[in-house]
């Protein structure tokens, strides 16, 4: 059996209790979870979730502007029909797959 080391961390008691409660429901304990997280750190050679500074999510207008800028680079323009398709995707009324099919049928 591999030699085991000890990892100690200080965390707020409420956070520890909430985490333990969830882990119990999953049939896990804190030690198993920490080992899972550390294994993912090693496998992915980095933190296994996004760590970033953010001023908040893009607004719809910023998202549309970014798509439009990308299309301009490709020599294409974003029209009102395209913007409506983006809104339908956001609302869940249109999947990315269906939108792609629509776009490819137009080209």
PDB file of N, CA and C in Angstrom:
ATOM      1  N   UNK A   1       0.838  -1.176   0.000  1.00  0.00           N
ATOM      2  CA  UNK A   1       0.000   0.000   0.000  1.00  0.00           C
ATOM      3  C   UNK A   1       0.888   1.246   0.000  1.00  0.00           C
ATOM      4  N   UNK A   2       0.466   2.238  -0.747  1.00  0.00           N
ATOM      5  CA  UNK A   2       1.225   3.486  -0.859  1.00  0.00           C
ATOM      6  C   UNK A   2       1.239   4.230   0.472  1.00  0.00           C
ATOM      7  N   UNK A   3       2.372   4.855   0.798  1.00  0.00           N
ATOM      8  CA  UNK A   3       2.449   5.680   2.000  1.00  0.00           C
ATOM      9  C   UNK A   3       1.484   6.847   1.874  1.00  0.00           C
ATOM     10  N   UNK A   4       0.804   7.161   2.947  1.00  0.00           N
ATOM     11  CA  UNK A   4      -0.180   8.235   2.928  1.00  0.00           C
ATOM     12  C   UNK A   4       0.370   9.432   3.696  1.00  0.00           C
ATOM     13  N   UNK A   5       0.115  10.630   3.172  1.00  0.00           N
ATOM     14  CA  UNK A   5       0.499  11.869   3.838  1.00  0.00           C
ATOM     15  C   UNK A   5      -0.739  12.512   4.441  1.00  0.00           C
ATOM     16  N   UNK A   6      -0.533  13.496   5.250  1.00  0.00           N
ATOM     17  CA  UNK A   6      -1.647  14.206   5.886  1.00  0.00           C
ATOM     18  C   UNK A   6      -1.710  15.607   5.310  1.00  0.00           C
ATOM     19  N   UNK A   7      -2.927  16.023   4.942  1.00  0.00           N
ATOM     20  CA  UNK A   7      -3.176  17.384   4.466  1.00  0.00           C
ATOM     21  C   UNK A   7      -4.116  18.030   5.475  1.00  0.00           C
ATOM     22  N   UNK A   8      -3.754  19.197   5.958  1.00  0.00           N
ATOM     23  CA  UNK A   8      -4.624  19.926   6.876  1.00  0.00           C
ATOM     24  C   UNK A   8      -4.988  21.253   6.242  1.00  0.00           C
ATOM     25  N   UNK A   9      -6.234  21.635   6.421  1.00  0.00           N
ATOM     26  CA  UNK A   9      -6.682  22.931   5.894  1.00  0.00           C
ATOM     27  C   UNK A   9      -7.660  23.546   6.875  1.00  0.00           C
ATOM     28  N   UNK A  10      -7.593  24.841   7.000  1.00  0.00           N
ATOM     29  CA  UNK A  10      -8.536  25.563   7.859  1.00  0.00           C
ATOM     30  C   UNK A  10      -9.658  26.079   6.970  1.00  0.00           C
ATOM     31  N   UNK A  11     -10.878  25.882   7.406  1.00  0.00           N
ATOM     32  CA  UNK A  11     -12.039  26.320   6.652  1.00  0.00           C
ATOM     33  C   UNK A  11     -13.153  26.702   7.622  1.00  0.00           C
ATOM     34  N   UNK A  12     -14.030  27.604   7.255  1.00  0.00           N
ATOM     35  CA  UNK A  12     -15.131  27.949   8.150  1.00  0.00           C
ATOM     36  C   UNK A  12     -15.965  26.710   8.497  1.00  0.00           C
ATOM     37  N   UNK A  13     -16.363  26.611   9.750  1.00  0.00           N
ATOM     38  CA  UNK A  13     -17.110  25.448  10.229  1.00  0.00           C
ATOM     39  C   UNK A  13     -18.391  25.222   9.423  1.00  0.00           C
ATOM     40  N   UNK A  14     -19.105  26.298   9.099  1.00  0.00           N
ATOM     41  CA  UNK A  14     -20.360  26.151   8.342  1.00  0.00           C
ATOM     42  C   UNK A  14     -20.096  25.547   6.966  1.00  0.00           C
ATOM     43  N   UNK A  15     -19.016  25.978   6.310  1.00  0.00           N
ATOM     44  CA  UNK A  15     -18.666  25.429   5.006  1.00  0.00           C
ATOM     45  C   UNK A  15     -18.345  23.950   5.127  1.00  0.00           C
ATOM     46  N   UNK A  16     -17.575  23.596   6.138  1.00  0.00           N
ATOM     47  CA  UNK A  16     -17.215  22.192   6.368  1.00  0.00           C
ATOM     48  C   UNK A  16     -18.467  21.354   6.596  1.00  0.00           C
ATOM     49  N   UNK A  17     -19.399  21.831   7.413  1.00  0.00           N
ATOM     50  CA  UNK A  17     -20.627  21.089   7.696  1.00  0.00           C
ATOM     51  C   UNK A  17     -21.478  20.922   6.437  1.00  0.00           C
ATOM     52  N   UNK A  18     -21.622  22.006   5.674  1.00  0.00           N
ATOM     53  CA  UNK A  18     -22.401  21.919   4.434  1.00  0.00           C
ATOM     54  C   UNK A  18     -21.774  20.941   3.449  1.00  0.00           C
ATOM     55  N   UNK A  19     -20.454  21.006   3.319  1.00  0.00           N
ATOM     56  CA  UNK A  19     -19.759  20.096   2.413  1.00  0.00           C
ATOM     57  C   UNK A  19     -19.904  18.649   2.872  1.00  0.00           C
ATOM     58  N   UNK A  20     -19.733  18.398   4.166  1.00  0.00           N
ATOM     59  CA  UNK A  20     -19.887  17.038   4.693  1.00  0.00           C
ATOM     60  C   UNK A  20     -21.299  16.508   4.459  1.00  0.00           C
ATOM     61  N   UNK A  21     -22.289  17.364   4.616  1.00  0.00           N
ATOM     62  CA  UNK A  21     -23.683  16.965   4.401  1.00  0.00           C
ATOM     63  C   UNK A  21     -23.885  16.493   2.956  1.00  0.00           C
ATOM     64  N   UNK A  22     -23.367  17.258   2.012  1.00  0.00           N
ATOM     65  CA  UNK A  22     -23.490  16.884   0.596  1.00  0.00           C
ATOM     66  C   UNK A  22     -22.708  15.609   0.311  1.00  0.00           C
ATOM     67  N   UNK A  23     -21.482  15.531   0.837  1.00  0.00           N
ATOM     68  CA  UNK A  23     -20.658  14.344   0.607  1.00  0.00           C
ATOM     69  C   UNK A  23     -21.316  13.088   1.161  1.00  0.00           C
ATOM     70  N   UNK A  24     -21.949  13.192   2.323  1.00  0.00           N
ATOM     71  CA  UNK A  24     -22.658  12.040   2.892  1.00  0.00           C
ATOM     72  C   UNK A  24     -23.757  11.564   1.955  1.00  0.00           C
ATOM     73  N   UNK A  25     -24.492  12.509   1.376  1.00  0.00           N
ATOM     74  CA  UNK A  25     -25.549  12.147   0.423  1.00  0.00           C
ATOM     75  C   UNK A  25     -24.978  11.438  -0.801  1.00  0.00           C
ATOM     76  N   UNK A  26     -23.735  11.784  -1.157  1.00  0.00           N
ATOM     77  CA  UNK A  26     -23.070  11.163  -2.298  1.00  0.00           C
ATOM     78  C   UNK A  26     -22.362   9.862  -1.922  1.00  0.00           C
ATOM     79  N   UNK A  27     -22.382   9.533  -0.641  1.00  0.00           N
ATOM     80  CA  UNK A  27     -21.696   8.321  -0.185  1.00  0.00           C
ATOM     81  C   UNK A  27     -20.198   8.490  -0.093  1.00  0.00           C
ATOM     82  N   UNK A  28     -19.751   9.722   0.079  1.00  0.00           N
ATOM     83  CA  UNK A  28     -18.324  10.013   0.163  1.00  0.00           C
ATOM     84  C   UNK A  28     -18.005  10.657   1.500  1.00  0.00           C
ATOM     85  N   UNK A  29     -16.710  10.716   1.813  1.00  0.00           N
ATOM     86  CA  UNK A  29     -16.274  11.480   2.979  1.00  0.00           C
ATOM     87  C   UNK A  29     -15.299  12.550   2.510  1.00  0.00           C
ATOM     88  N   UNK A  30     -14.931  13.437   3.404  1.00  0.00           N
ATOM     89  CA  UNK A  30     -14.077  14.568   3.036  1.00  0.00           C
ATOM     90  C   UNK A  30     -12.732  14.099   2.486  1.00  0.00           C
ATOM     91  N   UNK A  31     -12.153  13.088   3.097  1.00  0.00           N
ATOM     92  CA  UNK A  31     -10.854  12.591   2.653  1.00  0.00           C
ATOM     93  C   UNK A  31     -10.926  12.081   1.211  1.00  0.00           C
ATOM     94  N   UNK A  32     -11.973  11.317   0.898  1.00  0.00           N
ATOM     95  CA  UNK A  32     -12.145  10.795  -0.462  1.00  0.00           C
ATOM     96  C   UNK A  32     -12.304  11.945  -1.445  1.00  0.00           C
ATOM     97  N   UNK A  33     -13.120  12.936  -1.074  1.00  0.00           N
ATOM     98  CA  UNK A  33     -13.325  14.081  -1.964  1.00  0.00           C
ATOM     99  C   UNK A  33     -12.030  14.844  -2.207  1.00  0.00           C
ATOM    100  N   UNK A  34     -11.276  15.081  -1.159  1.00  0.00           N
ATOM    101  CA  UNK A  34     -10.014  15.814  -1.318  1.00  0.00           C
ATOM    102  C   UNK A  34      -9.073  15.036  -2.227  1.00  0.00           C
ATOM    103  N   UNK A  35      -9.017  13.722  -2.065  1.00  0.00           N
ATOM    104  CA  UNK A  35      -8.175  12.905  -2.943  1.00  0.00           C
ATOM    105  C   UNK A  35      -8.666  12.971  -4.392  1.00  0.00           C
ATOM    106  N   UNK A  36      -9.995  12.976  -4.595  1.00  0.00           N
ATOM    107  CA  UNK A  36     -10.543  13.110  -5.947  1.00  0.00           C
ATOM    108  C   UNK A  36     -10.113  14.446  -6.554  1.00  0.00           C
ATOM    109  N   UNK A  37     -10.234  15.520  -5.779  1.00  0.00           N
ATOM    110  CA  UNK A  37      -9.874  16.849  -6.268  1.00  0.00           C
ATOM    111  C   UNK A  37      -8.375  16.927  -6.585  1.00  0.00           C
ATOM    112  N   UNK A  38      -7.548  16.367  -5.712  1.00  0.00           N
ATOM    113  CA  UNK A  38      -6.110  16.398  -5.953  1.00  0.00           C
ATOM    114  C   UNK A  38      -5.730  15.557  -7.171  1.00  0.00           C
ATOM    115  N   UNK A  39      -6.398  14.422  -7.352  1.00  0.00           N
ATOM    116  CA  UNK A  39      -6.145  13.609  -8.544  1.00  0.00           C
ATOM    117  C   UNK A  39      -6.498  14.379  -9.817  1.00  0.00           C
ATOM    118  N   UNK A  40      -7.610  15.094  -9.808  1.00  0.00           N
ATOM    119  CA  UNK A  40      -7.993  15.886 -10.972  1.00  0.00           C
ATOM    120  C   UNK A  40      -6.988  17.010 -11.220  1.00  0.00           C
ATOM    121  N   UNK A  41      -6.478  17.609 -10.164  1.00  0.00           N
ATOM    122  CA  UNK A  41      -5.456  18.636 -10.295  1.00  0.00           C
ATOM    123  C   UNK A  41      -4.242  18.077 -11.034  1.00  0.00           C
ATOM    124  N   UNK A  42      -3.826  16.880 -10.660  1.00  0.00           N
ATOM    125  CA  UNK A  42      -2.668  16.242 -11.284  1.00  0.00           C
ATOM    126  C   UNK A  42      -2.990  15.824 -12.721  1.00  0.00           C
ATOM    127  N   UNK A  43      -4.132  15.187 -12.939  1.00  0.00           N
ATOM    128  CA  UNK A  43      -4.508  14.714 -14.273  1.00  0.00           C
ATOM    129  C   UNK A  43      -4.605  15.877 -15.254  1.00  0.00           C
ATOM    130  N   UNK A  44      -5.239  16.965 -14.837  1.00  0.00           N
ATOM    131  CA  UNK A  44      -5.450  18.107 -15.724  1.00  0.00           C
ATOM    132  C   UNK A  44      -4.292  19.099 -15.706  1.00  0.00           C
ATOM    133  N   UNK A  45      -3.335  18.841 -14.832  1.00  0.00           N
ATOM    134  CA  UNK A  45      -2.181  19.721 -14.676  1.00  0.00           C
ATOM    135  C   UNK A  45      -2.615  21.168 -14.440  1.00  0.00           C
ATOM    136  N   UNK A  46      -3.624  21.327 -13.637  1.00  0.00           N
ATOM    137  CA  UNK A  46      -4.142  22.641 -13.285  1.00  0.00           C
ATOM    138  C   UNK A  46      -5.389  22.483 -12.441  1.00  0.00           C
ATOM    139  N   UNK A  47      -5.909  23.587 -11.999  1.00  0.00           N
ATOM    140  CA  UNK A  47      -7.128  23.564 -11.194  1.00  0.00           C
ATOM    141  C   UNK A  47      -8.275  23.080 -12.076  1.00  0.00           C
ATOM    142  N   UNK A  48      -9.051  22.096 -11.623  1.00  0.00           N
ATOM    143  CA  UNK A  48     -10.060  21.476 -12.483  1.00  0.00           C
ATOM    144  C   UNK A  48     -11.360  22.264 -12.624  1.00  0.00           C
ATOM    145  N   UNK A  49     -11.307  23.551 -12.386  1.00  0.00           N
ATOM    146  CA  UNK A  49     -12.445  24.420 -12.633  1.00  0.00           C
ATOM    147  C   UNK A  49     -11.885  25.797 -12.935  1.00  0.00           C
ATOM    148  N   UNK A  50     -12.698  26.635 -13.539  1.00  0.00           N
ATOM    149  CA  UNK A  50     -12.229  27.940 -13.969  1.00  0.00           C
ATOM    150  C   UNK A  50     -12.021  28.866 -12.772  1.00  0.00           C
ATOM    151  N   UNK A  51     -10.855  29.474 -12.720  1.00  0.00           N
ATOM    152  CA  UNK A  51     -10.543  30.459 -11.690  1.00  0.00           C
ATOM    153  C   UNK A  51     -10.237  31.754 -12.425  1.00  0.00           C
ATOM    154  N   UNK A  52     -11.054  32.772 -12.184  1.00  0.00           N
ATOM    155  CA  UNK A  52     -10.855  33.996 -12.935  1.00  0.00           C
ATOM    156  C   UNK A  52     -11.394  35.197 -12.175  1.00  0.00           C
ATOM    157  N   UNK A  53     -10.904  36.327 -12.544  1.00  0.00           N
ATOM    158  CA  UNK A  53     -11.465  37.591 -12.078  1.00  0.00           C
ATOM    159  C   UNK A  53     -12.518  37.989 -13.089  1.00  0.00           C
ATOM    160  N   UNK A  54     -13.649  38.438 -12.616  1.00  0.00           N
ATOM    161  CA  UNK A  54     -14.711  38.776 -13.544  1.00  0.00           C
ATOM    162  C   UNK A  54     -15.489  39.969 -13.029  1.00  0.00           C
ATOM    163  N   UNK A  55     -15.848  40.813 -13.936  1.00  0.00           N
ATOM    164  CA  UNK A  55     -16.709  41.941 -13.596  1.00  0.00           C
ATOM    165  C   UNK A  55     -18.169  41.567 -13.783  1.00  0.00           C
ATOM    166  N   UNK A  56     -18.432  40.307 -13.969  1.00  0.00           N
ATOM    167  CA  UNK A  56     -19.785  39.847 -14.205  1.00  0.00           C
ATOM    168  C   UNK A  56     -19.896  39.332 -15.622  1.00  0.00           C
ATOM    169  N   UNK A  57     -21.012  38.696 -15.919  1.00  0.00           N
ATOM    170  CA  UNK A  57     -21.186  38.117 -17.249  1.00  0.00           C
ATOM    171  C   UNK A  57     -21.364  39.208 -18.314  1.00  0.00           C
ATOM    172  N   UNK A  58     -21.073  38.807 -19.546  1.00  0.00           N
ATOM    173  CA  UNK A  58     -21.327  39.707 -20.670  1.00  0.00           C
ATOM    174  C   UNK A  58     -22.803  40.066 -20.717  1.00  0.00           C
ATOM    175  N   UNK A  59     -23.078  41.281 -21.139  1.00  0.00           N
ATOM    176  CA  UNK A  59     -24.465  41.640 -21.417  1.00  0.00           C
ATOM    177  C   UNK A  59     -24.824  41.046 -22.778  1.00  0.00           C
ATOM    178  N   UNK A  60     -26.110  40.962 -23.074  1.00  0.00           N
ATOM    179  CA  UNK A  60     -26.519  40.450 -24.378  1.00  0.00           C
ATOM    180  C   UNK A  60     -25.922  41.283 -25.505  1.00  0.00           C
ATOM    181  N   UNK A  61     -25.892  42.594 -25.307  1.00  0.00           N
ATOM    182  CA  UNK A  61     -25.342  43.486 -26.321  1.00  0.00           C
ATOM    183  C   UNK A  61     -23.853  43.203 -26.551  1.00  0.00           C
ATOM    184  N   UNK A  62     -23.098  42.979 -25.465  1.00  0.00           N
ATOM    185  CA  UNK A  62     -21.671  42.672 -25.596  1.00  0.00           C
ATOM    186  C   UNK A  62     -21.455  41.337 -26.303  1.00  0.00           C
ATOM    187  N   UNK A  63     -22.298  40.352 -26.000  1.00  0.00           N
ATOM    188  CA  UNK A  63     -22.186  39.049 -26.668  1.00  0.00           C
ATOM    189  C   UNK A  63     -22.421  39.197 -28.164  1.00  0.00           C
ATOM    190  N   UNK A  64     -23.466  39.943 -28.524  1.00  0.00           N
ATOM    191  CA  UNK A  64     -23.783  40.136 -29.935  1.00  0.00           C
ATOM    192  C   UNK A  64     -22.671  40.913 -30.627  1.00  0.00           C
ATOM    193  N   UNK A  65     -22.132  41.935 -29.970  1.00  0.00           N
ATOM    194  CA  UNK A  65     -21.019  42.707 -30.534  1.00  0.00           C
ATOM    195  C   UNK A  65     -19.802  41.819 -30.774  1.00  0.00           C
ATOM    196  N   UNK A  66     -19.537  40.895 -29.849  1.00  0.00           N
ATOM    197  CA  UNK A  66     -18.395  40.000 -30.011  1.00  0.00           C
ATOM    198  C   UNK A  66     -18.592  39.058 -31.187  1.00  0.00           C
ATOM    199  N   UNK A  67     -19.797  38.511 -31.320  1.00  0.00           N
ATOM    200  CA  UNK A  67     -20.087  37.637 -32.462  1.00  0.00           C
ATOM    201  C   UNK A  67     -19.958  38.433 -33.759  1.00  0.00           C
ATOM    202  N   UNK A  68     -20.491  39.648 -33.772  1.00  0.00           N
ATOM    203  CA  UNK A  68     -20.418  40.490 -34.965  1.00  0.00           C
ATOM    204  C   UNK A  68     -18.973  40.787 -35.339  1.00  0.00           C
ATOM    205  N   UNK A  69     -18.140  41.096 -34.355  1.00  0.00           N
ATOM    206  CA  UNK A  69     -16.726  41.384 -34.614  1.00  0.00           C
ATOM    207  C   UNK A  69     -16.025  40.159 -35.191  1.00  0.00           C
ATOM    208  N   UNK A  70     -16.319  38.996 -34.647  1.00  0.00           N
ATOM    209  CA  UNK A  70     -15.718  37.757 -35.151  1.00  0.00           C
ATOM    210  C   UNK A  70     -16.136  37.515 -36.596  1.00  0.00           C
ATOM    211  N   UNK A  71     -17.415  37.733 -36.888  1.00  0.00           N
ATOM    212  CA  UNK A  71     -17.894  37.542 -38.257  1.00  0.00           C
ATOM    213  C   UNK A  71     -17.249  38.535 -39.217  1.00  0.00           C
ATOM    214  N   UNK A  72     -17.063  39.795 -38.777  1.00  0.00           N
ATOM    215  CA  UNK A  72     -16.417  40.797 -39.635  1.00  0.00           C
ATOM    216  C   UNK A  72     -15.003  40.366 -40.012  1.00  0.00           C
ATOM    217  N   UNK A  73     -14.312  39.749 -39.061  1.00  0.00           N
ATOM    218  CA  UNK A  73     -12.964  39.242 -39.347  1.00  0.00           C
ATOM    219  C   UNK A  73     -13.022  38.235 -40.490  1.00  0.00           C
ATOM    220  N   UNK A  74     -14.094  37.452 -40.523  1.00  0.00           N
ATOM    221  CA  UNK A  74     -14.270  36.435 -41.564  1.00  0.00           C
ATOM    222  C   UNK A  74     -14.915  37.011 -42.830  1.00  0.00           C
ATOM    223  N   UNK A  75     -15.138  38.324 -42.846  1.00  0.00           N
ATOM    224  CA  UNK A  75     -15.750  38.951 -44.013  1.00  0.00           C
ATOM    225  C   UNK A  75     -17.254  38.737 -44.080  1.00  0.00           C
ATOM    226  N   UNK A  76     -17.875  38.487 -42.942  1.00  0.00           N
ATOM    227  CA  UNK A  76     -19.315  38.243 -42.889  1.00  0.00           C
ATOM    228  C   UNK A  76     -19.963  39.317 -42.015  1.00  0.00           C
ATOM    229  N   UNK A  77     -21.234  39.514 -42.185  1.00  0.00           N
ATOM    230  CA  UNK A  77     -21.962  40.499 -41.392  1.00  0.00           C
ATOM    231  C   UNK A  77     -23.048  39.825 -40.564  1.00  0.00           C
ATOM    232  N   UNK A  78     -23.365  40.390 -39.429  1.00  0.00           N
ATOM    233  CA  UNK A  78     -24.428  39.915 -38.556  1.00  0.00           C
ATOM    234  C   UNK A  78     -25.658  40.769 -38.837  1.00  0.00           C
ATOM    235  N   UNK A  79     -26.752  40.121 -39.269  1.00  0.00           N
ATOM    236  CA  UNK A  79     -27.969  40.876 -39.558  1.00  0.00           C
ATOM    237  C   UNK A  79     -29.015  40.629 -38.467  1.00  0.00           C
ATOM    238  N   UNK A  80     -30.144  41.281 -38.576  1.00  0.00           N
ATOM    239  CA  UNK A  80     -31.191  41.170 -37.554  1.00  0.00           C
ATOM    240  C   UNK A  80     -31.681  39.729 -37.399  1.00  0.00           C
ATOM    241  N   UNK A  81     -31.747  38.998 -38.504  1.00  0.00           N
ATOM    242  CA  UNK A  81     -32.156  37.585 -38.459  1.00  0.00           C
ATOM    243  C   UNK A  81     -31.167  36.763 -37.620  1.00  0.00           C
ATOM    244  N   UNK A  82     -29.876  37.058 -37.782  1.00  0.00           N
ATOM    245  CA  UNK A  82     -28.841  36.372 -36.996  1.00  0.00           C
ATOM    246  C   UNK A  82     -28.976  36.706 -35.514  1.00  0.00           C
ATOM    247  N   UNK A  83     -29.227  37.977 -35.226  1.00  0.00           N
ATOM    248  CA  UNK A  83     -29.380  38.405 -33.837  1.00  0.00           C
ATOM    249  C   UNK A  83     -30.576  37.713 -33.201  1.00  0.00           C
ATOM    250  N   UNK A  84     -31.665  37.592 -33.955  1.00  0.00           N
ATOM    251  CA  UNK A  84     -32.851  36.900 -33.440  1.00  0.00           C
ATOM    252  C   UNK A  84     -32.540  35.424 -33.163  1.00  0.00           C
ATOM    253  N   UNK A  85     -31.719  34.806 -34.023  1.00  0.00           N
ATOM    254  CA  UNK A  85     -31.326  33.417 -33.810  1.00  0.00           C
ATOM    255  C   UNK A  85     -30.510  33.291 -32.519  1.00  0.00           C
ATOM    256  N   UNK A  86     -29.605  34.244 -32.274  1.00  0.00           N
ATOM    257  CA  UNK A  86     -28.827  34.230 -31.036  1.00  0.00           C
ATOM    258  C   UNK A  86     -29.741  34.358 -29.816  1.00  0.00           C
ATOM    259  N   UNK A  87     -30.740  35.216 -29.918  1.00  0.00           N
ATOM    260  CA  UNK A  87     -31.689  35.370 -28.813  1.00  0.00           C
ATOM    261  C   UNK A  87     -32.475  34.081 -28.586  1.00  0.00           C
ATOM    262  N   UNK A  88     -32.875  33.401 -29.670  1.00  0.00           N
ATOM    263  CA  UNK A  88     -33.607  32.134 -29.545  1.00  0.00           C
ATOM    264  C   UNK A  88     -32.748  31.058 -28.876  1.00  0.00           C
ATOM    265  N   UNK A  89     -31.466  31.048 -29.207  1.00  0.00           N
ATOM    266  CA  UNK A  89     -30.550  30.095 -28.568  1.00  0.00           C
ATOM    267  C   UNK A  89     -30.483  30.382 -27.073  1.00  0.00           C
ATOM    268  N   UNK A  90     -30.328  31.666 -26.726  1.00  0.00           N
ATOM    269  CA  UNK A  90     -30.226  32.043 -25.314  1.00  0.00           C
ATOM    270  C   UNK A  90     -31.483  31.664 -24.539  1.00  0.00           C
ATOM    271  N   UNK A  91     -32.641  31.869 -25.145  1.00  0.00           N
ATOM    272  CA  UNK A  91     -33.918  31.557 -24.485  1.00  0.00           C
ATOM    273  C   UNK A  91     -34.171  30.057 -24.399  1.00  0.00           C
ATOM    274  N   UNK A  92     -33.383  29.271 -25.131  1.00  0.00           N
ATOM    275  CA  UNK A  92     -33.599  27.822 -25.140  1.00  0.00           C
ATOM    276  C   UNK A  92     -34.614  27.394 -26.180  1.00  0.00           C
ATOM    277  N   UNK A  93     -35.012  28.310 -27.056  1.00  0.00           N
ATOM    278  CA  UNK A  93     -35.979  27.985 -28.106  1.00  0.00           C
ATOM    279  C   UNK A  93     -35.323  27.350 -29.320  1.00  0.00           C
ATOM    280  N   UNK A  94     -33.994  27.400 -29.389  1.00  0.00           N
ATOM    281  CA  UNK A  94     -33.256  26.868 -30.526  1.00  0.00           C
ATOM    282  C   UNK A  94     -31.938  26.300 -30.020  1.00  0.00           C
ATOM    283  N   UNK A  95     -31.632  25.077 -30.417  1.00  0.00           N
ATOM    284  CA  UNK A  95     -30.364  24.462 -29.990  1.00  0.00           C
ATOM    285  C   UNK A  95     -29.235  24.937 -30.906  1.00  0.00           C
ATOM    286  N   UNK A  96     -28.002  24.806 -30.424  1.00  0.00           N
ATOM    287  CA  UNK A  96     -26.854  25.161 -31.248  1.00  0.00           C
ATOM    288  C   UNK A  96     -26.813  24.297 -32.504  1.00  0.00           C
ATOM    289  N   UNK A  97     -27.185  23.025 -32.370  1.00  0.00           N
ATOM    290  CA  UNK A  97     -27.175  22.115 -33.514  1.00  0.00           C
ATOM    291  C   UNK A  97     -28.147  22.576 -34.587  1.00  0.00           C
ATOM    292  N   UNK A  98     -29.360  22.944 -34.178  1.00  0.00           N
ATOM    293  CA  UNK A  98     -30.359  23.418 -35.142  1.00  0.00           C
ATOM    294  C   UNK A  98     -29.929  24.742 -35.766  1.00  0.00           C
ATOM    295  N   UNK A  99     -29.358  25.624 -34.965  1.00  0.00           N
ATOM    296  CA  UNK A  99     -28.884  26.905 -35.502  1.00  0.00           C
ATOM    297  C   UNK A  99     -27.793  26.671 -36.525  1.00  0.00           C
ATOM    298  N   UNK A 100     -26.888  25.762 -36.239  1.00  0.00           N
ATOM    299  CA  UNK A 100     -25.804  25.431 -37.173  1.00  0.00           C
ATOM    300  C   UNK A 100     -26.385  24.899 -38.465  1.00  0.00           C
ATOM    301  N   UNK A 101     -27.381  24.012 -38.372  1.00  0.00           N
ATOM    302  CA  UNK A 101     -28.025  23.463 -39.564  1.00  0.00           C
ATOM    303  C   UNK A 101     -28.648  24.576 -40.398  1.00  0.00           C
ATOM    304  N   UNK A 102     -29.347  25.503 -39.728  1.00  0.00           N
ATOM    305  CA  UNK A 102     -29.966  26.625 -40.440  1.00  0.00           C
ATOM    306  C   UNK A 102     -28.920  27.453 -41.173  1.00  0.00           C
ATOM    307  N   UNK A 103     -27.816  27.727 -40.477  1.00  0.00           N
ATOM    308  CA  UNK A 103     -26.754  28.542 -41.085  1.00  0.00           C
ATOM    309  C   UNK A 103     -26.149  27.817 -42.280  1.00  0.00           C
ATOM    310  N   UNK A 104     -25.848  26.536 -42.135  1.00  0.00           N
ATOM    311  CA  UNK A 104     -25.244  25.771 -43.221  1.00  0.00           C
ATOM    312  C   UNK A 104     -26.180  25.649 -44.424  1.00  0.00           C
ATOM    313  N   UNK A 105     -27.482  25.589 -44.179  1.00  0.00           N
ATOM    314  CA  UNK A 105     -28.438  25.524 -45.281  1.00  0.00           C
ATOM    315  C   UNK A 105     -28.493  26.831 -46.067  1.00  0.00           C
ATOM    316  N   UNK A 106     -28.158  27.926 -45.409  1.00  0.00           N
ATOM    317  CA  UNK A 106     -28.187  29.237 -46.067  1.00  0.00           C
ATOM    318  C   UNK A 106     -26.919  29.504 -46.875  1.00  0.00           C
ATOM    319  N   UNK A 107     -25.843  28.820 -46.553  1.00  0.00           N
ATOM    320  CA  UNK A 107     -24.551  29.083 -47.202  1.00  0.00           C
ATOM    321  C   UNK A 107     -24.463  28.362 -48.514  1.00  0.00           C
TER     322      UNK A 107
END
